[in-house]
Amino acid sequence: MATRFFLRTAGLAVGVATVFALTACGGSEDSGKPSVVASTDVWGSVAAAVAGPDAEVESLITDPSADPHSHESSAGETAHIAEADLVVFNGGGYDEFVEQALDGRDTPSVNAYAVRTDQTEENEHVWYDVTTVATVADRIAAELGKLDAEHAQGYTDRAAEFTGKLAGITAVTDRIAAQRPETPVLQTEPLAYYLLRAARVRDLTPAEFQEAIEQETDPAPAAVAATRDLLTGKQVRVLVYNVQTEGQITRDLRGLAQQNSIPVLEVSETLPEGVDYIAWQTANAEALATAVSSS
């Protein structure tokens, strides 16, 4: 039976000064603190680490079962974006509802995809790229410093503390790269692309299959057959499984992995309950290391 690695590490403490439930932006005006609105709780966690006690952070998407690709904002969410002092979002078409709400406005914002480390890469799941996340944290600190000069140094210091913690994630992926380079893996969609690239494992997933799953369309039978063959033929050592875009085809792949004793690494697009960004991505990296070592 395949080993499954669950990333819902609820026991990890979360030192995040943030408000993930939607509340009126007027509250931050009353407190005199800058208001930050993030598209997802992933970017909300990054923003909260920088904001500390000096700014208020809200995240629009917090549901672990939600798919931000297809999210349609409510009137209330659009109003929150319009009223925010700073908006932090993923970009690259991932959370398009934010870009639409910002269109024509001069609201300060940080677009993670626009500041991604490798501008030649078009994969939009940039929160799995810790170097890009470090840049985003620094940009948030700079923008908050402009809005709130009195606490500018605090924002800068907290951003530096946060980016320093990212080194722990890099240490894990560097270890995988040194000990298990070119380990063949399969993904149900290219969600953890940057994590796998940092670990220098080799993604054998047929491009046609990944593209269809990500676009929420049915892959061609030939693409499905080729993907299934990778599991039944044990040509891959790990199945990287996005739990937020499940369908019958991907569930069948997980079943095949289990039947063939191939570890299943579950990944997601929003934070598991009870963890912050650092704890989450450290757990992801460690789970990958365990999966490739046990295969």
C-alpha atoms as a PDB file:
ATOM      1  CA  MET A   1       0.000   0.000   0.000  1.00  0.00           C
ATOM      2  CA  ALA A   2       1.389   3.409  -0.918  1.00  0.00           C
ATOM      3  CA  THR A   3       2.490   5.793   1.781  1.00  0.00           C
ATOM      4  CA  ARG A   4       0.581   9.074   1.909  1.00  0.00           C
ATOM      5  CA  PHE A   5       2.112  12.202   3.346  1.00  0.00           C
ATOM      6  CA  PHE A   6      -0.397  14.597   4.847  1.00  0.00           C
ATOM      7  CA  LEU A   7       0.577  18.237   5.181  1.00  0.00           C
ATOM      8  CA  ARG A   8      -2.126  19.329   7.586  1.00  0.00           C
ATOM      9  CA  THR A   9       0.282  19.864  10.476  1.00  0.00           C
ATOM     10  CA  ALA A  10      -2.246  21.409  12.791  1.00  0.00           C
ATOM     11  CA  GLY A  11       0.028  21.071  15.782  1.00  0.00           C
ATOM     12  CA  LEU A  12       2.473  23.649  14.474  1.00  0.00           C
ATOM     13  CA  ALA A  13       2.093  27.000  16.177  1.00  0.00           C
ATOM     14  CA  VAL A  14       1.132  30.007  14.122  1.00  0.00           C
ATOM     15  CA  GLY A  15       2.596  33.333  15.091  1.00  0.00           C
ATOM     16  CA  VAL A  16       0.613  35.357  12.612  1.00  0.00           C
ATOM     17  CA  ALA A  17      -0.830  38.749  13.499  1.00  0.00           C
ATOM     18  CA  THR A  18      -3.628  38.833  10.959  1.00  0.00           C
ATOM     19  CA  VAL A  19      -7.354  38.767  10.449  1.00  0.00           C
ATOM     20  CA  PHE A  20      -8.376  36.167   7.867  1.00  0.00           C
ATOM     21  CA  ALA A  21     -12.125  36.652   8.249  1.00  0.00           C
ATOM     22  CA  LEU A  22     -13.621  39.473   6.229  1.00  0.00           C
ATOM     23  CA  THR A  23     -14.351  42.511   8.346  1.00  0.00           C
ATOM     24  CA  ALA A  24     -15.136  46.066   7.401  1.00  0.00           C
ATOM     25  CA  CYS A  25     -12.122  48.007   6.178  1.00  0.00           C
ATOM     26  CA  GLY A  26     -13.389  50.876   8.267  1.00  0.00           C
ATOM     27  CA  GLY A  27     -11.957  49.060  11.249  1.00  0.00           C
ATOM     28  CA  SER A  28      -8.407  49.792  10.109  1.00  0.00           C
ATOM     29  CA  GLU A  29      -9.347  53.408   9.471  1.00  0.00           C
ATOM     30  CA  ASP A  30     -10.655  53.625  13.038  1.00  0.00           C
ATOM     31  CA  SER A  31      -7.443  52.089  14.384  1.00  0.00           C
ATOM     32  CA  GLY A  32      -5.270  54.306  12.247  1.00  0.00           C
ATOM     33  CA  LYS A  33      -3.417  51.274  10.910  1.00  0.00           C
ATOM     34  CA  PRO A  34      -2.900  50.588   7.186  1.00  0.00           C
ATOM     35  CA  SER A  35      -5.283  47.968   5.785  1.00  0.00           C
ATOM     36  CA  VAL A  36      -3.869  45.184   3.628  1.00  0.00           C
ATOM     37  CA  VAL A  37      -6.089  42.910   1.545  1.00  0.00           C
ATOM     38  CA  ALA A  38      -4.586  39.687   0.152  1.00  0.00           C
ATOM     39  CA  SER A  39      -6.186  37.531  -2.518  1.00  0.00           C
ATOM     40  CA  THR A  40      -5.551  34.271  -0.640  1.00  0.00           C
ATOM     41  CA  ASP A  41      -4.524  33.310   2.863  1.00  0.00           C
ATOM     42  CA  VAL A  42      -1.146  32.259   1.459  1.00  0.00           C
ATOM     43  CA  TRP A  43      -0.277  35.824   0.537  1.00  0.00           C
ATOM     44  CA  GLY A  44      -2.152  36.997   3.614  1.00  0.00           C
ATOM     45  CA  SER A  45       0.217  34.972   5.768  1.00  0.00           C
ATOM     46  CA  VAL A  46       3.241  36.530   4.070  1.00  0.00           C
ATOM     47  CA  ALA A  47       1.757  40.002   4.462  1.00  0.00           C
ATOM     48  CA  ALA A  48       0.882  39.378   8.120  1.00  0.00           C
ATOM     49  CA  ALA A  49       4.430  38.317   8.911  1.00  0.00           C
ATOM     50  CA  VAL A  50       5.618  41.700   7.625  1.00  0.00           C
ATOM     51  CA  ALA A  51       2.736  43.740   9.038  1.00  0.00           C
ATOM     52  CA  GLY A  52       3.082  42.516  12.589  1.00  0.00           C
ATOM     53  CA  PRO A  53       1.025  44.651  14.982  1.00  0.00           C
ATOM     54  CA  ASP A  54       1.310  47.790  12.845  1.00  0.00           C
ATOM     55  CA  ALA A  55      -1.088  46.955   9.970  1.00  0.00           C
ATOM     56  CA  GLU A  56      -4.254  44.926   9.592  1.00  0.00           C
ATOM     57  CA  VAL A  57      -4.350  42.076   7.062  1.00  0.00           C
ATOM     58  CA  GLU A  58      -7.392  40.399   5.547  1.00  0.00           C
ATOM     59  CA  SER A  59      -7.462  37.441   3.140  1.00  0.00           C
ATOM     60  CA  LEU A  60     -10.287  36.987   0.658  1.00  0.00           C
ATOM     61  CA  ILE A  61      -9.900  33.243  -0.032  1.00  0.00           C
ATOM     62  CA  THR A  62      -9.350  31.067   3.007  1.00  0.00           C
ATOM     63  CA  ASP A  63     -11.394  27.965   2.199  1.00  0.00           C
ATOM     64  CA  PRO A  64      -9.017  24.978   1.803  1.00  0.00           C
ATOM     65  CA  SER A  65     -11.430  23.445  -0.699  1.00  0.00           C
ATOM     66  CA  ALA A  66     -11.621  26.568  -2.892  1.00  0.00           C
ATOM     67  CA  ASP A  67      -9.954  26.915  -6.288  1.00  0.00           C
ATOM     68  CA  PRO A  68      -8.696  30.507  -6.693  1.00  0.00           C
ATOM     69  CA  HIS A  69      -8.421  30.028 -10.462  1.00  0.00           C
ATOM     70  CA  SER A  70     -12.194  30.044 -10.798  1.00  0.00           C
ATOM     71  CA  HIS A  71     -13.113  32.303  -7.882  1.00  0.00           C
ATOM     72  CA  GLU A  72     -15.683  34.994  -8.593  1.00  0.00           C
ATOM     73  CA  SER A  73     -15.578  37.872  -6.160  1.00  0.00           C
ATOM     74  CA  SER A  74     -18.628  39.109  -4.340  1.00  0.00           C
ATOM     75  CA  ALA A  75     -19.611  42.763  -4.161  1.00  0.00           C
ATOM     76  CA  GLY A  76     -18.259  42.810  -0.622  1.00  0.00           C
ATOM     77  CA  GLU A  77     -14.871  41.462  -1.673  1.00  0.00           C
ATOM     78  CA  THR A  78     -14.633  43.974  -4.497  1.00  0.00           C
ATOM     79  CA  ALA A  79     -15.380  46.751  -2.026  1.00  0.00           C
ATOM     80  CA  HIS A  80     -12.654  45.485   0.313  1.00  0.00           C
ATOM     81  CA  ILE A  81     -10.136  45.570  -2.516  1.00  0.00           C
ATOM     82  CA  ALA A  82     -11.210  49.084  -3.508  1.00  0.00           C
ATOM     83  CA  GLU A  83     -10.967  50.372   0.062  1.00  0.00           C
ATOM     84  CA  ALA A  84      -7.643  48.746   0.957  1.00  0.00           C
ATOM     85  CA  ASP A  85      -4.503  50.771   1.505  1.00  0.00           C
ATOM     86  CA  LEU A  86      -2.453  47.929  -0.015  1.00  0.00           C
ATOM     87  CA  VAL A  87      -3.455  44.880  -2.062  1.00  0.00           C
ATOM     88  CA  VAL A  88      -1.250  41.780  -2.274  1.00  0.00           C
ATOM     89  CA  PHE A  89      -2.107  39.234  -4.941  1.00  0.00           C
ATOM     90  CA  ASN A  90      -0.599  36.456  -7.000  1.00  0.00           C
ATOM     91  CA  GLY A  91      -1.074  37.750 -10.542  1.00  0.00           C
ATOM     92  CA  GLY A  92      -0.346  35.867 -13.724  1.00  0.00           C
ATOM     93  CA  GLY A  93      -4.065  35.281 -14.253  1.00  0.00           C
ATOM     94  CA  TYR A  94      -4.275  33.141 -11.117  1.00  0.00           C
ATOM     95  CA  ASP A  95      -6.474  35.463  -9.047  1.00  0.00           C
ATOM     96  CA  GLU A  96      -7.859  37.456 -11.926  1.00  0.00           C
ATOM     97  CA  PHE A  97     -10.747  38.753  -9.845  1.00  0.00           C
ATOM     98  CA  VAL A  98      -8.286  41.001  -7.974  1.00  0.00           C
ATOM     99  CA  GLU A  99      -6.788  42.400 -11.160  1.00  0.00           C
ATOM    100  CA  GLN A 100     -10.287  43.185 -12.397  1.00  0.00           C
ATOM    101  CA  ALA A 101     -11.165  44.961  -9.170  1.00  0.00           C
ATOM    102  CA  LEU A 102      -7.954  47.010  -9.337  1.00  0.00           C
ATOM    103  CA  ASP A 103      -8.438  47.973 -12.981  1.00  0.00           C
ATOM    104  CA  GLY A 104      -8.503  51.740 -13.313  1.00  0.00           C
ATOM    105  CA  ARG A 105      -7.577  52.332  -9.668  1.00  0.00           C
ATOM    106  CA  ASP A 106      -4.335  53.666  -8.252  1.00  0.00           C
ATOM    107  CA  THR A 107      -4.433  51.463  -5.152  1.00  0.00           C
ATOM    108  CA  PRO A 108      -0.893  50.444  -4.109  1.00  0.00           C
ATOM    109  CA  SER A 109      -0.390  46.753  -4.791  1.00  0.00           C
ATOM    110  CA  VAL A 110       2.179  43.964  -4.891  1.00  0.00           C
ATOM    111  CA  ASN A 111       1.827  41.508  -7.784  1.00  0.00           C
ATOM    112  CA  ALA A 112       3.863  38.392  -6.957  1.00  0.00           C
ATOM    113  CA  TYR A 113       3.944  37.059 -10.513  1.00  0.00           C
ATOM    114  CA  ALA A 114       5.220  40.387 -11.826  1.00  0.00           C
ATOM    115  CA  VAL A 115       8.219  40.281  -9.471  1.00  0.00           C
ATOM    116  CA  ARG A 116       8.931  36.537  -9.826  1.00  0.00           C
ATOM    117  CA  THR A 117      12.589  35.612  -9.731  1.00  0.00           C
ATOM    118  CA  ASP A 118      12.723  33.952 -13.148  1.00  0.00           C
ATOM    119  CA  GLN A 119      10.844  36.115 -15.637  1.00  0.00           C
ATOM    120  CA  THR A 120      11.196  33.449 -18.331  1.00  0.00           C
ATOM    121  CA  GLU A 121       8.992  31.042 -16.351  1.00  0.00           C
ATOM    122  CA  GLU A 122       5.250  31.262 -16.969  1.00  0.00           C
ATOM    123  CA  ASN A 123       4.048  28.985 -14.167  1.00  0.00           C
ATOM    124  CA  GLU A 124       1.802  31.189 -12.031  1.00  0.00           C
ATOM    125  CA  HIS A 125       2.044  29.200  -8.794  1.00  0.00           C
ATOM    126  CA  VAL A 126       4.859  31.429  -7.584  1.00  0.00           C
ATOM    127  CA  TRP A 127       4.188  31.006  -3.851  1.00  0.00           C
ATOM    128  CA  TYR A 128       6.046  27.692  -4.184  1.00  0.00           C
ATOM    129  CA  ASP A 129       9.138  29.698  -5.207  1.00  0.00           C
ATOM    130  CA  VAL A 130      10.697  30.919  -1.973  1.00  0.00           C
ATOM    131  CA  THR A 131      12.968  33.418  -3.720  1.00  0.00           C
ATOM    132  CA  THR A 132       9.947  35.130  -5.236  1.00  0.00           C
ATOM    133  CA  VAL A 133       8.200  35.042  -1.861  1.00  0.00           C
ATOM    134  CA  ALA A 134      11.203  36.794  -0.315  1.00  0.00           C
ATOM    135  CA  THR A 135      10.930  39.542  -2.924  1.00  0.00           C
ATOM    136  CA  VAL A 136       7.209  39.899  -2.232  1.00  0.00           C
ATOM    137  CA  ALA A 137       7.867  40.270   1.512  1.00  0.00           C
ATOM    138  CA  ASP A 138      10.395  43.022   0.822  1.00  0.00           C
ATOM    139  CA  ARG A 139       7.961  44.786  -1.527  1.00  0.00           C
ATOM    140  CA  ILE A 140       5.216  44.630   1.101  1.00  0.00           C
ATOM    141  CA  ALA A 141       7.573  46.155   3.658  1.00  0.00           C
ATOM    142  CA  ALA A 142       8.491  48.943   1.257  1.00  0.00           C
ATOM    143  CA  GLU A 143       4.860  49.758   0.428  1.00  0.00           C
ATOM    144  CA  LEU A 144       3.776  49.699   4.059  1.00  0.00           C
ATOM    145  CA  GLY A 145       6.733  51.919   4.922  1.00  0.00           C
ATOM    146  CA  LYS A 146       5.454  54.501   2.445  1.00  0.00           C
ATOM    147  CA  LEU A 147       1.965  54.341   3.928  1.00  0.00           C
ATOM    148  CA  ASP A 148       3.128  54.325   7.533  1.00  0.00           C
ATOM    149  CA  ALA A 149       6.536  55.973   7.831  1.00  0.00           C
ATOM    150  CA  GLU A 150       6.445  55.854  11.621  1.00  0.00           C
ATOM    151  CA  HIS A 151       6.672  52.046  11.550  1.00  0.00           C
ATOM    152  CA  ALA A 152       8.771  51.672   8.388  1.00  0.00           C
ATOM    153  CA  GLN A 153      11.726  50.166  10.234  1.00  0.00           C
ATOM    154  CA  GLY A 154       9.488  47.612  11.907  1.00  0.00           C
ATOM    155  CA  TYR A 155       8.141  46.471   8.540  1.00  0.00           C
ATOM    156  CA  THR A 156      11.680  46.200   7.183  1.00  0.00           C
ATOM    157  CA  ASP A 157      12.901  44.248  10.206  1.00  0.00           C
ATOM    158  CA  ARG A 158      10.002  41.810  10.102  1.00  0.00           C
ATOM    159  CA  ALA A 159      10.464  41.242   6.368  1.00  0.00           C
ATOM    160  CA  ALA A 160      14.125  40.426   7.005  1.00  0.00           C
ATOM    161  CA  GLU A 161      13.152  38.014   9.784  1.00  0.00           C
ATOM    162  CA  PHE A 162      10.600  36.324   7.538  1.00  0.00           C
ATOM    163  CA  THR A 163      12.956  35.968   4.568  1.00  0.00           C
ATOM    164  CA  GLY A 164      15.603  34.567   6.867  1.00  0.00           C
ATOM    165  CA  LYS A 165      13.240  31.744   7.825  1.00  0.00           C
ATOM    166  CA  LEU A 166      12.824  30.829   4.152  1.00  0.00           C
ATOM    167  CA  ALA A 167      16.377  29.489   4.267  1.00  0.00           C
ATOM    168  CA  GLY A 168      15.064  26.505   6.225  1.00  0.00           C
ATOM    169  CA  ILE A 169      12.877  25.518   3.279  1.00  0.00           C
ATOM    170  CA  THR A 170      15.746  25.943   0.851  1.00  0.00           C
ATOM    171  CA  ALA A 171      17.939  23.744   3.041  1.00  0.00           C
ATOM    172  CA  VAL A 172      15.473  20.890   2.633  1.00  0.00           C
ATOM    173  CA  THR A 173      15.187  21.217  -1.153  1.00  0.00           C
ATOM    174  CA  ASP A 174      18.966  21.522  -1.416  1.00  0.00           C
ATOM    175  CA  ARG A 175      19.271  18.264   0.523  1.00  0.00           C
ATOM    176  CA  ILE A 176      16.914  16.522  -1.889  1.00  0.00           C
ATOM    177  CA  ALA A 177      18.847  17.930  -4.841  1.00  0.00           C
ATOM    178  CA  ALA A 178      22.107  16.610  -3.405  1.00  0.00           C
ATOM    179  CA  GLN A 179      20.856  13.206  -2.278  1.00  0.00           C
ATOM    180  CA  ARG A 180      18.067  12.355  -4.758  1.00  0.00           C
ATOM    181  CA  PRO A 181      18.649  14.366  -7.933  1.00  0.00           C
ATOM    182  CA  GLU A 182      16.550  13.562 -11.004  1.00  0.00           C
ATOM    183  CA  THR A 183      14.053  11.471  -9.034  1.00  0.00           C
ATOM    184  CA  PRO A 184      11.147  10.967 -11.479  1.00  0.00           C
ATOM    185  CA  VAL A 185       7.784  12.277 -10.266  1.00  0.00           C
ATOM    186  CA  LEU A 186       4.272  12.767 -11.607  1.00  0.00           C
ATOM    187  CA  GLN A 187       1.965  15.722 -10.889  1.00  0.00           C
ATOM    188  CA  THR A 188      -1.783  15.916 -11.366  1.00  0.00           C
ATOM    189  CA  GLU A 189      -1.157  19.537 -12.359  1.00  0.00           C
ATOM    190  CA  PRO A 190       1.928  21.808 -12.239  1.00  0.00           C
ATOM    191  CA  LEU A 191       1.093  23.307  -8.834  1.00  0.00           C
ATOM    192  CA  ALA A 192       4.340  22.458  -7.029  1.00  0.00           C
ATOM    193  CA  TYR A 193       6.497  23.215 -10.074  1.00  0.00           C
ATOM    194  CA  TYR A 194       8.897  25.554  -8.256  1.00  0.00           C
ATOM    195  CA  LEU A 195       9.252  23.229  -5.277  1.00  0.00           C
ATOM    196  CA  LEU A 196      10.164  20.343  -7.580  1.00  0.00           C
ATOM    197  CA  ARG A 197      12.539  22.520  -9.562  1.00  0.00           C
ATOM    198  CA  ALA A 198      14.334  23.637  -6.414  1.00  0.00           C
ATOM    199  CA  ALA A 199      14.681  19.980  -5.359  1.00  0.00           C
ATOM    200  CA  ARG A 200      15.943  19.092  -8.860  1.00  0.00           C
ATOM    201  CA  VAL A 201      13.546  16.200  -9.274  1.00  0.00           C
ATOM    202  CA  ARG A 202      12.268  15.346 -12.751  1.00  0.00           C
ATOM    203  CA  ASP A 203       8.601  15.831 -13.633  1.00  0.00           C
ATOM    204  CA  LEU A 204       7.549  13.234 -16.222  1.00  0.00           C
ATOM    205  CA  THR A 205       3.902  14.303 -16.445  1.00  0.00           C
ATOM    206  CA  PRO A 206       2.676  14.594 -20.045  1.00  0.00           C
ATOM    207  CA  ALA A 207       2.152  18.309 -20.761  1.00  0.00           C
ATOM    208  CA  GLU A 208      -1.200  17.643 -22.424  1.00  0.00           C
ATOM    209  CA  PHE A 209      -2.494  15.980 -19.287  1.00  0.00           C
ATOM    210  CA  GLN A 210      -1.363  18.731 -16.916  1.00  0.00           C
ATOM    211  CA  GLU A 211      -2.740  21.486 -19.127  1.00  0.00           C
ATOM    212  CA  ALA A 212      -6.165  19.854 -19.390  1.00  0.00           C
ATOM    213  CA  ILE A 213      -6.474  19.267 -15.638  1.00  0.00           C
ATOM    214  CA  GLU A 214      -5.394  22.829 -14.852  1.00  0.00           C
ATOM    215  CA  GLN A 215      -7.919  24.217 -17.350  1.00  0.00           C
ATOM    216  CA  GLU A 216     -10.629  21.984 -15.841  1.00  0.00           C
ATOM    217  CA  THR A 217     -11.194  20.116 -19.099  1.00  0.00           C
ATOM    218  CA  ASP A 218     -11.028  16.405 -19.837  1.00  0.00           C
ATOM    219  CA  PRO A 219      -7.591  15.229 -20.993  1.00  0.00           C
ATOM    220  CA  ALA A 220      -7.465  13.330 -24.261  1.00  0.00           C
ATOM    221  CA  PRO A 221      -7.657   9.544 -23.794  1.00  0.00           C
ATOM    222  CA  ALA A 222      -4.106   9.172 -25.093  1.00  0.00           C
ATOM    223  CA  ALA A 223      -2.817  11.649 -22.480  1.00  0.00           C
ATOM    224  CA  VAL A 224      -4.656   9.814 -19.710  1.00  0.00           C
ATOM    225  CA  ALA A 225      -3.285   6.459 -20.894  1.00  0.00           C
ATOM    226  CA  ALA A 226       0.274   7.797 -21.023  1.00  0.00           C
ATOM    227  CA  THR A 227      -0.078   9.223 -17.518  1.00  0.00           C
ATOM    228  CA  ARG A 228      -1.509   5.996 -16.120  1.00  0.00           C
ATOM    229  CA  ASP A 229       1.353   4.052 -17.699  1.00  0.00           C
ATOM    230  CA  LEU A 230       3.842   6.053 -15.644  1.00  0.00           C
ATOM    231  CA  LEU A 231       2.210   4.658 -12.503  1.00  0.00           C
ATOM    232  CA  THR A 232       1.437   1.113 -13.575  1.00  0.00           C
ATOM    233  CA  GLY A 233       4.928   0.805 -15.022  1.00  0.00           C
ATOM    234  CA  LYS A 234       6.421   2.327 -11.862  1.00  0.00           C
ATOM    235  CA  GLN A 235       8.331   4.872 -13.937  1.00  0.00           C
ATOM    236  CA  VAL A 236       7.826   7.537 -11.274  1.00  0.00           C
ATOM    237  CA  ARG A 237       8.663   7.473  -7.578  1.00  0.00           C
ATOM    238  CA  VAL A 238       6.108   9.990  -6.265  1.00  0.00           C
ATOM    239  CA  LEU A 239       2.665  11.288  -7.250  1.00  0.00           C
ATOM    240  CA  VAL A 240       2.271  14.983  -6.382  1.00  0.00           C
ATOM    241  CA  TYR A 241      -1.460  15.428  -5.895  1.00  0.00           C
ATOM    242  CA  ASN A 242      -3.379  18.725  -5.797  1.00  0.00           C
ATOM    243  CA  VAL A 243      -6.224  18.127  -3.336  1.00  0.00           C
ATOM    244  CA  GLN A 244      -8.086  21.244  -4.493  1.00  0.00           C
ATOM    245  CA  THR A 245      -8.650  20.210  -8.106  1.00  0.00           C
ATOM    246  CA  GLU A 246      -9.798  16.642  -7.587  1.00  0.00           C
ATOM    247  CA  GLY A 247     -11.841  14.852 -10.207  1.00  0.00           C
ATOM    248  CA  GLN A 248     -12.512  11.276 -11.153  1.00  0.00           C
ATOM    249  CA  ILE A 249      -9.427  11.110 -13.358  1.00  0.00           C
ATOM    250  CA  THR A 250      -7.065  12.388 -10.691  1.00  0.00           C
ATOM    251  CA  ARG A 251      -8.674  10.215  -8.021  1.00  0.00           C
ATOM    252  CA  ASP A 252      -8.104   7.222 -10.286  1.00  0.00           C
ATOM    253  CA  LEU A 253      -4.437   8.184 -10.561  1.00  0.00           C
ATOM    254  CA  ARG A 254      -4.125   8.327  -6.787  1.00  0.00           C
ATOM    255  CA  GLY A 255      -5.689   4.886  -6.596  1.00  0.00           C
ATOM    256  CA  LEU A 256      -3.186   3.563  -9.133  1.00  0.00           C
ATOM    257  CA  ALA A 257      -0.317   5.079  -7.158  1.00  0.00           C
ATOM    258  CA  GLN A 258      -1.511   3.375  -4.001  1.00  0.00           C
ATOM    259  CA  GLN A 259      -1.941   0.052  -5.795  1.00  0.00           C
ATOM    260  CA  ASN A 260       1.629   0.284  -7.033  1.00  0.00           C
ATOM    261  CA  SER A 261       3.129   1.407  -3.698  1.00  0.00           C
ATOM    262  CA  ILE A 262       4.006   4.857  -5.019  1.00  0.00           C
ATOM    263  CA  PRO A 263       3.923   7.595  -2.337  1.00  0.00           C
ATOM    264  CA  VAL A 264       1.288  10.308  -2.756  1.00  0.00           C
ATOM    265  CA  LEU A 265       2.343  13.818  -1.777  1.00  0.00           C
ATOM    266  CA  GLU A 266      -0.698  16.022  -1.203  1.00  0.00           C
ATOM    267  CA  VAL A 267      -0.310  19.730  -1.984  1.00  0.00           C
ATOM    268  CA  SER A 268      -2.796  22.592  -1.953  1.00  0.00           C
ATOM    269  CA  GLU A 269      -3.356  26.160  -3.097  1.00  0.00           C
ATOM    270  CA  THR A 270      -4.412  27.637   0.232  1.00  0.00           C
ATOM    271  CA  LEU A 271      -3.074  27.193   3.737  1.00  0.00           C
ATOM    272  CA  PRO A 272      -4.024  24.115   5.716  1.00  0.00           C
ATOM    273  CA  GLU A 273      -5.842  25.108   8.883  1.00  0.00           C
ATOM    274  CA  GLY A 274      -3.614  26.164  11.746  1.00  0.00           C
ATOM    275  CA  VAL A 275      -0.323  26.878   9.987  1.00  0.00           C
ATOM    276  CA  ASP A 276       1.436  29.915   8.559  1.00  0.00           C
ATOM    277  CA  TYR A 277       3.404  30.115   5.310  1.00  0.00           C
ATOM    278  CA  ILE A 278       6.771  29.089   6.776  1.00  0.00           C
ATOM    279  CA  ALA A 279       5.372  26.059   8.597  1.00  0.00           C
ATOM    280  CA  TRP A 280       3.347  25.022   5.539  1.00  0.00           C
ATOM    281  CA  GLN A 281       6.133  25.178   2.988  1.00  0.00           C
ATOM    282  CA  THR A 282       8.619  23.598   5.375  1.00  0.00           C
ATOM    283  CA  ALA A 283       6.172  20.711   5.779  1.00  0.00           C
ATOM    284  CA  ASN A 284       5.768  20.480   1.989  1.00  0.00           C
ATOM    285  CA  ALA A 285       9.518  20.283   1.464  1.00  0.00           C
ATOM    286  CA  GLU A 286      10.022  17.765   4.261  1.00  0.00           C
ATOM    287  CA  ALA A 287       7.166  15.612   2.933  1.00  0.00           C
ATOM    288  CA  LEU A 288       8.769  15.617  -0.505  1.00  0.00           C
ATOM    289  CA  ALA A 289      12.093  14.597   1.019  1.00  0.00           C
ATOM    290  CA  THR A 290      10.413  11.732   2.878  1.00  0.00           C
ATOM    291  CA  ALA A 291       8.520  10.621  -0.234  1.00  0.00           C
ATOM    292  CA  VAL A 292      11.540  10.470  -2.536  1.00  0.00           C
ATOM    293  CA  SER A 293      13.627   8.748   0.137  1.00  0.00           C
ATOM    294  CA  SER A 294      11.050   6.050   0.815  1.00  0.00           C
ATOM    295  CA  SER A 295      10.440   5.175  -2.817  1.00  0.00           C
END
